[in-house]
Amino acid sequence: MLFSKKPPTTRVWNPRTLPGIAALLLCQSCDPIVSIDGAFFPAWMISLITGIAGSALIRQWLIHAELDRHIAPRVVVYPCLALLITVSFWLLLYRQ
């Protein structure tokens, strides 16, 4: 096993990353905003609430159909289901 005795180099600011950082900062204002009774909510928040509610409804349906006991890692399955519903809702309604 060979070990290098050279001290670790410090990272130097790369000027090529500056346009990427600027683009990220400028794109923050591109989030679609939805007006609900005069209050403006970001669309991702509405999509997230829809995904969580949809996941809870599907879980209740699976319990009623007695299929919930066959789902092995529930801690993984239900958050992934909520994410799937959230992303699908976002793409279906807010895609431009």
PDB file of N, CA and C in Angstrom:
ATOM      1  N   MET A   1       0.839  -1.158   0.000  1.00  0.00           N
ATOM      2  CA  MET A   1       0.000   0.000   0.000  1.00  0.00           C
ATOM      3  C   MET A   1       0.892   1.232   0.000  1.00  0.00           C
ATOM      4  N   LEU A   2       0.666   2.130  -0.925  1.00  0.00           N
ATOM      5  CA  LEU A   2       1.464   3.339  -1.027  1.00  0.00           C
ATOM      6  C   LEU A   2       0.682   4.519  -0.481  1.00  0.00           C
ATOM      7  N   PHE A   3       1.347   5.289   0.344  1.00  0.00           N
ATOM      8  CA  PHE A   3       0.732   6.489   0.888  1.00  0.00           C
ATOM      9  C   PHE A   3       1.512   7.691   0.390  1.00  0.00           C
ATOM     10  N   SER A   4       0.792   8.675  -0.005  1.00  0.00           N
ATOM     11  CA  SER A   4       1.431   9.895  -0.463  1.00  0.00           C
ATOM     12  C   SER A   4       1.722  10.794   0.730  1.00  0.00           C
ATOM     13  N   LYS A   5       2.927  11.361   0.745  1.00  0.00           N
ATOM     14  CA  LYS A   5       3.299  12.263   1.826  1.00  0.00           C
ATOM     15  C   LYS A   5       3.048  13.710   1.445  1.00  0.00           C
ATOM     16  N   LYS A   6       2.480  13.897   0.280  1.00  0.00           N
ATOM     17  CA  LYS A   6       2.188  15.246  -0.182  1.00  0.00           C
ATOM     18  C   LYS A   6       0.968  15.769   0.584  1.00  0.00           C
ATOM     19  N   PRO A   7       1.024  16.982   1.092  1.00  0.00           N
ATOM     20  CA  PRO A   7      -0.123  17.500   1.832  1.00  0.00           C
ATOM     21  C   PRO A   7      -1.319  17.690   0.889  1.00  0.00           C
ATOM     22  N   PRO A   8      -2.534  17.564   1.425  1.00  0.00           N
ATOM     23  CA  PRO A   8      -3.700  17.736   0.560  1.00  0.00           C
ATOM     24  C   PRO A   8      -3.783  19.165   0.034  1.00  0.00           C
ATOM     25  N   THR A   9      -4.176  19.271  -1.202  1.00  0.00           N
ATOM     26  CA  THR A   9      -4.276  20.595  -1.807  1.00  0.00           C
ATOM     27  C   THR A   9      -5.620  21.208  -1.436  1.00  0.00           C
ATOM     28  N   THR A  10      -5.594  22.495  -1.264  1.00  0.00           N
ATOM     29  CA  THR A  10      -6.851  23.193  -0.974  1.00  0.00           C
ATOM     30  C   THR A  10      -7.544  23.504  -2.287  1.00  0.00           C
ATOM     31  N   ARG A  11      -8.856  23.544  -2.228  1.00  0.00           N
ATOM     32  CA  ARG A  11      -9.607  23.830  -3.446  1.00  0.00           C
ATOM     33  C   ARG A  11      -9.525  25.312  -3.763  1.00  0.00           C
ATOM     34  N   VAL A  12      -9.241  25.591  -4.995  1.00  0.00           N
ATOM     35  CA  VAL A  12      -9.163  26.965  -5.459  1.00  0.00           C
ATOM     36  C   VAL A  12     -10.475  27.279  -6.163  1.00  0.00           C
ATOM     37  N   TRP A  13     -10.980  28.483  -5.978  1.00  0.00           N
ATOM     38  CA  TRP A  13     -12.225  28.890  -6.615  1.00  0.00           C
ATOM     39  C   TRP A  13     -12.074  28.802  -8.124  1.00  0.00           C
ATOM     40  N   ASN A  14     -12.955  28.042  -8.732  1.00  0.00           N
ATOM     41  CA  ASN A  14     -12.908  27.850 -10.174  1.00  0.00           C
ATOM     42  C   ASN A  14     -13.841  28.871 -10.826  1.00  0.00           C
ATOM     43  N   PRO A  15     -13.319  29.717 -11.693  1.00  0.00           N
ATOM     44  CA  PRO A  15     -14.174  30.740 -12.307  1.00  0.00           C
ATOM     45  C   PRO A  15     -15.235  30.150 -13.244  1.00  0.00           C
ATOM     46  N   ARG A  16     -15.089  28.895 -13.650  1.00  0.00           N
ATOM     47  CA  ARG A  16     -16.099  28.286 -14.524  1.00  0.00           C
ATOM     48  C   ARG A  16     -17.383  27.957 -13.779  1.00  0.00           C
ATOM     49  N   THR A  17     -17.348  27.899 -12.450  1.00  0.00           N
ATOM     50  CA  THR A  17     -18.556  27.596 -11.690  1.00  0.00           C
ATOM     51  C   THR A  17     -19.421  28.826 -11.464  1.00  0.00           C
ATOM     52  N   LEU A  18     -18.891  30.005 -11.689  1.00  0.00           N
ATOM     53  CA  LEU A  18     -19.638  31.233 -11.449  1.00  0.00           C
ATOM     54  C   LEU A  18     -20.896  31.346 -12.308  1.00  0.00           C
ATOM     55  N   PRO A  19     -20.867  31.041 -13.613  1.00  0.00           N
ATOM     56  CA  PRO A  19     -22.120  31.110 -14.385  1.00  0.00           C
ATOM     57  C   PRO A  19     -23.173  30.114 -13.900  1.00  0.00           C
ATOM     58  N   GLY A  20     -22.749  28.947 -13.450  1.00  0.00           N
ATOM     59  CA  GLY A  20     -23.707  27.976 -12.932  1.00  0.00           C
ATOM     60  C   GLY A  20     -24.375  28.461 -11.659  1.00  0.00           C
ATOM     61  N   ILE A  21     -23.597  29.056 -10.776  1.00  0.00           N
ATOM     62  CA  ILE A  21     -24.160  29.600  -9.543  1.00  0.00           C
ATOM     63  C   ILE A  21     -25.106  30.752  -9.856  1.00  0.00           C
ATOM     64  N   ALA A  22     -24.726  31.596 -10.785  1.00  0.00           N
ATOM     65  CA  ALA A  22     -25.596  32.715 -11.164  1.00  0.00           C
ATOM     66  C   ALA A  22     -26.898  32.212 -11.772  1.00  0.00           C
ATOM     67  N   ALA A  23     -26.829  31.168 -12.591  1.00  0.00           N
ATOM     68  CA  ALA A  23     -28.049  30.615 -13.189  1.00  0.00           C
ATOM     69  C   ALA A  23     -28.962  30.021 -12.125  1.00  0.00           C
ATOM     70  N   LEU A  24     -28.391  29.350 -11.137  1.00  0.00           N
ATOM     71  CA  LEU A  24     -29.205  28.800 -10.048  1.00  0.00           C
ATOM     72  C   LEU A  24     -29.890  29.902  -9.255  1.00  0.00           C
ATOM     73  N   LEU A  25     -29.183  30.961  -8.989  1.00  0.00           N
ATOM     74  CA  LEU A  25     -29.784  32.057  -8.242  1.00  0.00           C
ATOM     75  C   LEU A  25     -30.870  32.761  -9.038  1.00  0.00           C
ATOM     76  N   LEU A  26     -30.680  32.894 -10.335  1.00  0.00           N
ATOM     77  CA  LEU A  26     -31.690  33.562 -11.159  1.00  0.00           C
ATOM     78  C   LEU A  26     -32.921  32.691 -11.383  1.00  0.00           C
ATOM     79  N   CYS A  27     -32.760  31.381 -11.387  1.00  0.00           N
ATOM     80  CA  CYS A  27     -33.888  30.480 -11.636  1.00  0.00           C
ATOM     81  C   CYS A  27     -34.748  30.255 -10.407  1.00  0.00           C
ATOM     82  N   GLN A  28     -34.363  30.789  -9.269  1.00  0.00           N
ATOM     83  CA  GLN A  28     -35.180  30.623  -8.082  1.00  0.00           C
ATOM     84  C   GLN A  28     -36.521  31.328  -8.222  1.00  0.00           C
ATOM     85  N   SER A  29     -36.577  32.360  -9.017  1.00  0.00           N
ATOM     86  CA  SER A  29     -37.830  33.093  -9.176  1.00  0.00           C
ATOM     87  C   SER A  29     -38.727  32.489 -10.245  1.00  0.00           C
ATOM     88  N   CYS A  30     -38.340  31.370 -10.841  1.00  0.00           N
ATOM     89  CA  CYS A  30     -39.117  30.751 -11.908  1.00  0.00           C
ATOM     90  C   CYS A  30     -40.160  29.762 -11.384  1.00  0.00           C
ATOM     91  N   ASP A  31     -40.341  29.664 -10.078  1.00  0.00           N
ATOM     92  CA  ASP A  31     -41.280  28.725  -9.492  1.00  0.00           C
ATOM     93  C   ASP A  31     -42.708  29.186  -9.758  1.00  0.00           C
ATOM     94  N   PRO A  32     -43.575  28.306 -10.286  1.00  0.00           N
ATOM     95  CA  PRO A  32     -44.952  28.723 -10.514  1.00  0.00           C
ATOM     96  C   PRO A  32     -45.655  29.000  -9.190  1.00  0.00           C
ATOM     97  N   ILE A  33     -46.424  30.071  -9.153  1.00  0.00           N
ATOM     98  CA  ILE A  33     -47.145  30.483  -7.963  1.00  0.00           C
ATOM     99  C   ILE A  33     -48.632  30.330  -8.229  1.00  0.00           C
ATOM    100  N   VAL A  34     -49.352  29.762  -7.261  1.00  0.00           N
ATOM    101  CA  VAL A  34     -50.776  29.522  -7.393  1.00  0.00           C
ATOM    102  C   VAL A  34     -51.502  30.378  -6.370  1.00  0.00           C
ATOM    103  N   SER A  35     -52.557  31.078  -6.799  1.00  0.00           N
ATOM    104  CA  SER A  35     -53.335  31.898  -5.892  1.00  0.00           C
ATOM    105  C   SER A  35     -54.513  31.093  -5.349  1.00  0.00           C
ATOM    106  N   ILE A  36     -54.568  30.948  -4.026  1.00  0.00           N
ATOM    107  CA  ILE A  36     -55.681  30.263  -3.370  1.00  0.00           C
ATOM    108  C   ILE A  36     -56.304  31.253  -2.395  1.00  0.00           C
ATOM    109  N   ASP A  37     -57.481  31.741  -2.715  1.00  0.00           N
ATOM    110  CA  ASP A  37     -58.197  32.730  -1.892  1.00  0.00           C
ATOM    111  C   ASP A  37     -57.330  33.939  -1.577  1.00  0.00           C
ATOM    112  N   GLY A  38     -56.589  34.403  -2.534  1.00  0.00           N
ATOM    113  CA  GLY A  38     -55.774  35.595  -2.357  1.00  0.00           C
ATOM    114  C   GLY A  38     -54.395  35.348  -1.785  1.00  0.00           C
ATOM    115  N   ALA A  39     -54.142  34.149  -1.260  1.00  0.00           N
ATOM    116  CA  ALA A  39     -52.815  33.830  -0.731  1.00  0.00           C
ATOM    117  C   ALA A  39     -52.051  33.066  -1.805  1.00  0.00           C
ATOM    118  N   PHE A  40     -50.821  33.460  -2.027  1.00  0.00           N
ATOM    119  CA  PHE A  40     -50.028  32.847  -3.075  1.00  0.00           C
ATOM    120  C   PHE A  40     -49.160  31.738  -2.489  1.00  0.00           C
ATOM    121  N   PHE A  41     -49.293  30.534  -3.027  1.00  0.00           N
ATOM    122  CA  PHE A  41     -48.534  29.378  -2.584  1.00  0.00           C
ATOM    123  C   PHE A  41     -47.663  28.899  -3.733  1.00  0.00           C
ATOM    124  N   PRO A  42     -46.464  28.438  -3.427  1.00  0.00           N
ATOM    125  CA  PRO A  42     -45.667  27.814  -4.487  1.00  0.00           C
ATOM    126  C   PRO A  42     -46.317  26.504  -4.921  1.00  0.00           C
ATOM    127  N   ALA A  43     -46.228  26.212  -6.176  1.00  0.00           N
ATOM    128  CA  ALA A  43     -46.884  25.020  -6.723  1.00  0.00           C
ATOM    129  C   ALA A  43     -46.294  23.732  -6.153  1.00  0.00           C
ATOM    130  N   TRP A  44     -45.024  23.750  -5.782  1.00  0.00           N
ATOM    131  CA  TRP A  44     -44.437  22.526  -5.222  1.00  0.00           C
ATOM    132  C   TRP A  44     -45.083  22.161  -3.897  1.00  0.00           C
ATOM    133  N   MET A  45     -45.523  23.177  -3.134  1.00  0.00           N
ATOM    134  CA  MET A  45     -46.154  22.901  -1.854  1.00  0.00           C
ATOM    135  C   MET A  45     -47.514  22.214  -2.061  1.00  0.00           C
ATOM    136  N   ILE A  46     -48.254  22.670  -3.045  1.00  0.00           N
ATOM    137  CA  ILE A  46     -49.545  22.057  -3.357  1.00  0.00           C
ATOM    138  C   ILE A  46     -49.337  20.639  -3.881  1.00  0.00           C
ATOM    139  N   SER A  47     -48.318  20.444  -4.688  1.00  0.00           N
ATOM    140  CA  SER A  47     -48.018  19.100  -5.192  1.00  0.00           C
ATOM    141  C   SER A  47     -47.618  18.160  -4.063  1.00  0.00           C
ATOM    142  N   LEU A  48     -46.846  18.650  -3.110  1.00  0.00           N
ATOM    143  CA  LEU A  48     -46.416  17.827  -1.984  1.00  0.00           C
ATOM    144  C   LEU A  48     -47.596  17.426  -1.109  1.00  0.00           C
ATOM    145  N   ILE A  49     -48.483  18.362  -0.832  1.00  0.00           N
ATOM    146  CA  ILE A  49     -49.665  18.050  -0.029  1.00  0.00           C
ATOM    147  C   ILE A  49     -50.535  17.034  -0.751  1.00  0.00           C
ATOM    148  N   THR A  50     -50.682  17.189  -2.063  1.00  0.00           N
ATOM    149  CA  THR A  50     -51.460  16.230  -2.854  1.00  0.00           C
ATOM    150  C   THR A  50     -50.815  14.848  -2.823  1.00  0.00           C
ATOM    151  N   GLY A  51     -49.495  14.782  -2.911  1.00  0.00           N
ATOM    152  CA  GLY A  51     -48.799  13.497  -2.876  1.00  0.00           C
ATOM    153  C   GLY A  51     -48.952  12.789  -1.543  1.00  0.00           C
ATOM    154  N   ILE A  52     -48.852  13.537  -0.451  1.00  0.00           N
ATOM    155  CA  ILE A  52     -49.004  12.928   0.870  1.00  0.00           C
ATOM    156  C   ILE A  52     -50.435  12.459   1.081  1.00  0.00           C
ATOM    157  N   ALA A  53     -51.405  13.288   0.690  1.00  0.00           N
ATOM    158  CA  ALA A  53     -52.810  12.891   0.835  1.00  0.00           C
ATOM    159  C   ALA A  53     -53.136  11.688  -0.045  1.00  0.00           C
ATOM    160  N   GLY A  54     -52.616  11.673  -1.265  1.00  0.00           N
ATOM    161  CA  GLY A  54     -52.843  10.531  -2.157  1.00  0.00           C
ATOM    162  C   GLY A  54     -52.234   9.252  -1.613  1.00  0.00           C
ATOM    163  N   SER A  55     -51.054   9.368  -1.044  1.00  0.00           N
ATOM    164  CA  SER A  55     -50.408   8.198  -0.446  1.00  0.00           C
ATOM    165  C   SER A  55     -51.211   7.679   0.748  1.00  0.00           C
ATOM    166  N   ALA A  56     -51.744   8.592   1.552  1.00  0.00           N
ATOM    167  CA  ALA A  56     -52.560   8.178   2.698  1.00  0.00           C
ATOM    168  C   ALA A  56     -53.851   7.498   2.234  1.00  0.00           C
ATOM    169  N   LEU A  57     -54.464   8.015   1.166  1.00  0.00           N
ATOM    170  CA  LEU A  57     -55.683   7.391   0.637  1.00  0.00           C
ATOM    171  C   LEU A  57     -55.400   6.000   0.067  1.00  0.00           C
ATOM    172  N   ILE A  58     -54.298   5.861  -0.640  1.00  0.00           N
ATOM    173  CA  ILE A  58     -53.945   4.546  -1.191  1.00  0.00           C
ATOM    174  C   ILE A  58     -53.631   3.568  -0.072  1.00  0.00           C
ATOM    175  N   ARG A  59     -52.988   4.051   1.001  1.00  0.00           N
ATOM    176  CA  ARG A  59     -52.714   3.172   2.144  1.00  0.00           C
ATOM    177  C   ARG A  59     -54.014   2.696   2.788  1.00  0.00           C
ATOM    178  N   GLN A  60     -54.974   3.604   2.940  1.00  0.00           N
ATOM    179  CA  GLN A  60     -56.260   3.206   3.508  1.00  0.00           C
ATOM    180  C   GLN A  60     -56.968   2.193   2.611  1.00  0.00           C
ATOM    181  N   TRP A  61     -56.864   2.381   1.309  1.00  0.00           N
ATOM    182  CA  TRP A  61     -57.470   1.433   0.379  1.00  0.00           C
ATOM    183  C   TRP A  61     -56.787   0.066   0.474  1.00  0.00           C
ATOM    184  N   LEU A  62     -55.453   0.063   0.602  1.00  0.00           N
ATOM    185  CA  LEU A  62     -54.723  -1.200   0.733  1.00  0.00           C
ATOM    186  C   LEU A  62     -55.055  -1.919   2.042  1.00  0.00           C
ATOM    187  N   ILE A  63     -55.263  -1.164   3.116  1.00  0.00           N
ATOM    188  CA  ILE A  63     -55.664  -1.776   4.379  1.00  0.00           C
ATOM    189  C   ILE A  63     -57.054  -2.380   4.240  1.00  0.00           C
ATOM    190  N   HIS A  64     -57.962  -1.654   3.606  1.00  0.00           N
ATOM    191  CA  HIS A  64     -59.321  -2.144   3.412  1.00  0.00           C
ATOM    192  C   HIS A  64     -59.344  -3.399   2.528  1.00  0.00           C
ATOM    193  N   ALA A  65     -58.476  -3.434   1.524  1.00  0.00           N
ATOM    194  CA  ALA A  65     -58.408  -4.582   0.616  1.00  0.00           C
ATOM    195  C   ALA A  65     -57.537  -5.705   1.188  1.00  0.00           C
ATOM    196  N   GLU A  66     -57.006  -5.520   2.392  1.00  0.00           N
ATOM    197  CA  GLU A  66     -56.141  -6.485   3.076  1.00  0.00           C
ATOM    198  C   GLU A  66     -54.884  -6.832   2.273  1.00  0.00           C
ATOM    199  N   LEU A  67     -54.370  -5.849   1.583  1.00  0.00           N
ATOM    200  CA  LEU A  67     -53.121  -6.025   0.833  1.00  0.00           C
ATOM    201  C   LEU A  67     -51.941  -5.354   1.527  1.00  0.00           C
ATOM    202  N   ASP A  68     -52.224  -4.554   2.547  1.00  0.00           N
ATOM    203  CA  ASP A  68     -51.163  -3.814   3.234  1.00  0.00           C
ATOM    204  C   ASP A  68     -50.180  -4.744   3.932  1.00  0.00           C
ATOM    205  N   ARG A  69     -50.639  -5.878   4.402  1.00  0.00           N
ATOM    206  CA  ARG A  69     -49.746  -6.794   5.123  1.00  0.00           C
ATOM    207  C   ARG A  69     -48.700  -7.424   4.208  1.00  0.00           C
ATOM    208  N   HIS A  70     -48.915  -7.375   2.889  1.00  0.00           N
ATOM    209  CA  HIS A  70     -47.960  -7.956   1.942  1.00  0.00           C
ATOM    210  C   HIS A  70     -46.869  -6.970   1.530  1.00  0.00           C
ATOM    211  N   ILE A  71     -47.004  -5.731   1.936  1.00  0.00           N
ATOM    212  CA  ILE A  71     -45.992  -4.721   1.614  1.00  0.00           C
ATOM    213  C   ILE A  71     -44.892  -4.821   2.658  1.00  0.00           C
ATOM    214  N   ALA A  72     -43.696  -5.162   2.214  1.00  0.00           N
ATOM    215  CA  ALA A  72     -42.625  -5.488   3.159  1.00  0.00           C
ATOM    216  C   ALA A  72     -42.005  -4.262   3.840  1.00  0.00           C
ATOM    217  N   PRO A  73     -41.228  -3.449   3.181  1.00  0.00           N
ATOM    218  CA  PRO A  73     -40.632  -2.303   3.897  1.00  0.00           C
ATOM    219  C   PRO A  73     -41.539  -1.074   3.782  1.00  0.00           C
ATOM    220  N   ARG A  74     -42.525  -0.979   4.656  1.00  0.00           N
ATOM    221  CA  ARG A  74     -43.502   0.119   4.585  1.00  0.00           C
ATOM    222  C   ARG A  74     -42.838   1.478   4.726  1.00  0.00           C
ATOM    223  N   VAL A  75     -41.736   1.520   5.464  1.00  0.00           N
ATOM    224  CA  VAL A  75     -41.034   2.783   5.672  1.00  0.00           C
ATOM    225  C   VAL A  75     -40.467   3.312   4.359  1.00  0.00           C
ATOM    226  N   VAL A  76     -40.198   2.425   3.430  1.00  0.00           N
ATOM    227  CA  VAL A  76     -39.661   2.824   2.133  1.00  0.00           C
ATOM    228  C   VAL A  76     -40.777   2.985   1.101  1.00  0.00           C
ATOM    229  N   VAL A  77     -41.753   2.092   1.128  1.00  0.00           N
ATOM    230  CA  VAL A  77     -42.770   2.051   0.080  1.00  0.00           C
ATOM    231  C   VAL A  77     -43.666   3.277   0.106  1.00  0.00           C
ATOM    232  N   TYR A  78     -44.181   3.652   1.270  1.00  0.00           N
ATOM    233  CA  TYR A  78     -45.137   4.760   1.318  1.00  0.00           C
ATOM    234  C   TYR A  78     -44.514   6.128   1.036  1.00  0.00           C
ATOM    235  N   PRO A  79     -43.312   6.443   1.526  1.00  0.00           N
ATOM    236  CA  PRO A  79     -42.702   7.704   1.080  1.00  0.00           C
ATOM    237  C   PRO A  79     -42.397   7.725  -0.422  1.00  0.00           C
ATOM    238  N   CYS A  80     -41.997   6.573  -0.982  1.00  0.00           N
ATOM    239  CA  CYS A  80     -41.759   6.522  -2.427  1.00  0.00           C
ATOM    240  C   CYS A  80     -43.062   6.693  -3.202  1.00  0.00           C
ATOM    241  N   LEU A  81     -44.144   6.150  -2.676  1.00  0.00           N
ATOM    242  CA  LEU A  81     -45.451   6.331  -3.298  1.00  0.00           C
ATOM    243  C   LEU A  81     -45.868   7.793  -3.240  1.00  0.00           C
ATOM    244  N   ALA A  82     -45.631   8.451  -2.110  1.00  0.00           N
ATOM    245  CA  ALA A  82     -45.940   9.874  -1.993  1.00  0.00           C
ATOM    246  C   ALA A  82     -45.100  10.691  -2.967  1.00  0.00           C
ATOM    247  N   LEU A  83     -43.835  10.333  -3.119  1.00  0.00           N
ATOM    248  CA  LEU A  83     -42.967  11.034  -4.070  1.00  0.00           C
ATOM    249  C   LEU A  83     -43.438  10.823  -5.500  1.00  0.00           C
ATOM    250  N   LEU A  84     -43.839   9.600  -5.824  1.00  0.00           N
ATOM    251  CA  LEU A  84     -44.350   9.311  -7.170  1.00  0.00           C
ATOM    252  C   LEU A  84     -45.593  10.136  -7.470  1.00  0.00           C
ATOM    253  N   ILE A  85     -46.507  10.212  -6.530  1.00  0.00           N
ATOM    254  CA  ILE A  85     -47.728  10.991  -6.745  1.00  0.00           C
ATOM    255  C   ILE A  85     -47.399  12.478  -6.842  1.00  0.00           C
ATOM    256  N   THR A  86     -46.482  12.955  -5.998  1.00  0.00           N
ATOM    257  CA  THR A  86     -46.095  14.367  -6.021  1.00  0.00           C
ATOM    258  C   THR A  86     -45.493  14.760  -7.362  1.00  0.00           C
ATOM    259  N   VAL A  87     -44.544  13.978  -7.842  1.00  0.00           N
ATOM    260  CA  VAL A  87     -43.880  14.298  -9.104  1.00  0.00           C
ATOM    261  C   VAL A  87     -44.846  14.159 -10.280  1.00  0.00           C
ATOM    262  N   SER A  88     -45.714  13.156 -10.238  1.00  0.00           N
ATOM    263  CA  SER A  88     -46.701  12.987 -11.310  1.00  0.00           C
ATOM    264  C   SER A  88     -47.672  14.158 -11.341  1.00  0.00           C
ATOM    265  N   PHE A  89     -48.129  14.595 -10.172  1.00  0.00           N
ATOM    266  CA  PHE A  89     -49.037  15.738 -10.095  1.00  0.00           C
ATOM    267  C   PHE A  89     -48.362  16.996 -10.613  1.00  0.00           C
ATOM    268  N   TRP A  90     -47.095  17.174 -10.226  1.00  0.00           N
ATOM    269  CA  TRP A  90     -46.338  18.347 -10.688  1.00  0.00           C
ATOM    270  C   TRP A  90     -46.208  18.335 -12.214  1.00  0.00           C
ATOM    271  N   LEU A  91     -45.825  17.203 -12.774  1.00  0.00           N
ATOM    272  CA  LEU A  91     -45.647  17.127 -14.226  1.00  0.00           C
ATOM    273  C   LEU A  91     -46.969  17.264 -14.974  1.00  0.00           C
ATOM    274  N   LEU A  92     -48.038  16.737 -14.386  1.00  0.00           N
ATOM    275  CA  LEU A  92     -49.328  16.795 -15.051  1.00  0.00           C
ATOM    276  C   LEU A  92     -49.882  18.214 -15.093  1.00  0.00           C
ATOM    277  N   LEU A  93     -49.754  18.959 -14.014  1.00  0.00           N
ATOM    278  CA  LEU A  93     -50.401  20.269 -13.950  1.00  0.00           C
ATOM    279  C   LEU A  93     -49.494  21.461 -14.199  1.00  0.00           C
ATOM    280  N   TYR A  94     -48.231  21.394 -13.792  1.00  0.00           N
ATOM    281  CA  TYR A  94     -47.384  22.577 -13.826  1.00  0.00           C
ATOM    282  C   TYR A  94     -46.264  22.516 -14.854  1.00  0.00           C
ATOM    283  N   ARG A  95     -46.312  21.548 -15.738  1.00  0.00           N
ATOM    284  CA  ARG A  95     -45.293  21.475 -16.790  1.00  0.00           C
ATOM    285  C   ARG A  95     -45.537  22.609 -17.775  1.00  0.00           C
ATOM    286  N   GLN A  96     -44.503  23.286 -18.171  1.00  0.00           N
ATOM    287  CA  GLN A  96     -44.673  24.417 -19.091  1.00  0.00           C
ATOM    288  C   GLN A  96     -44.070  24.134 -20.428  1.00  0.00           C
TER     289      GLN A  96
END
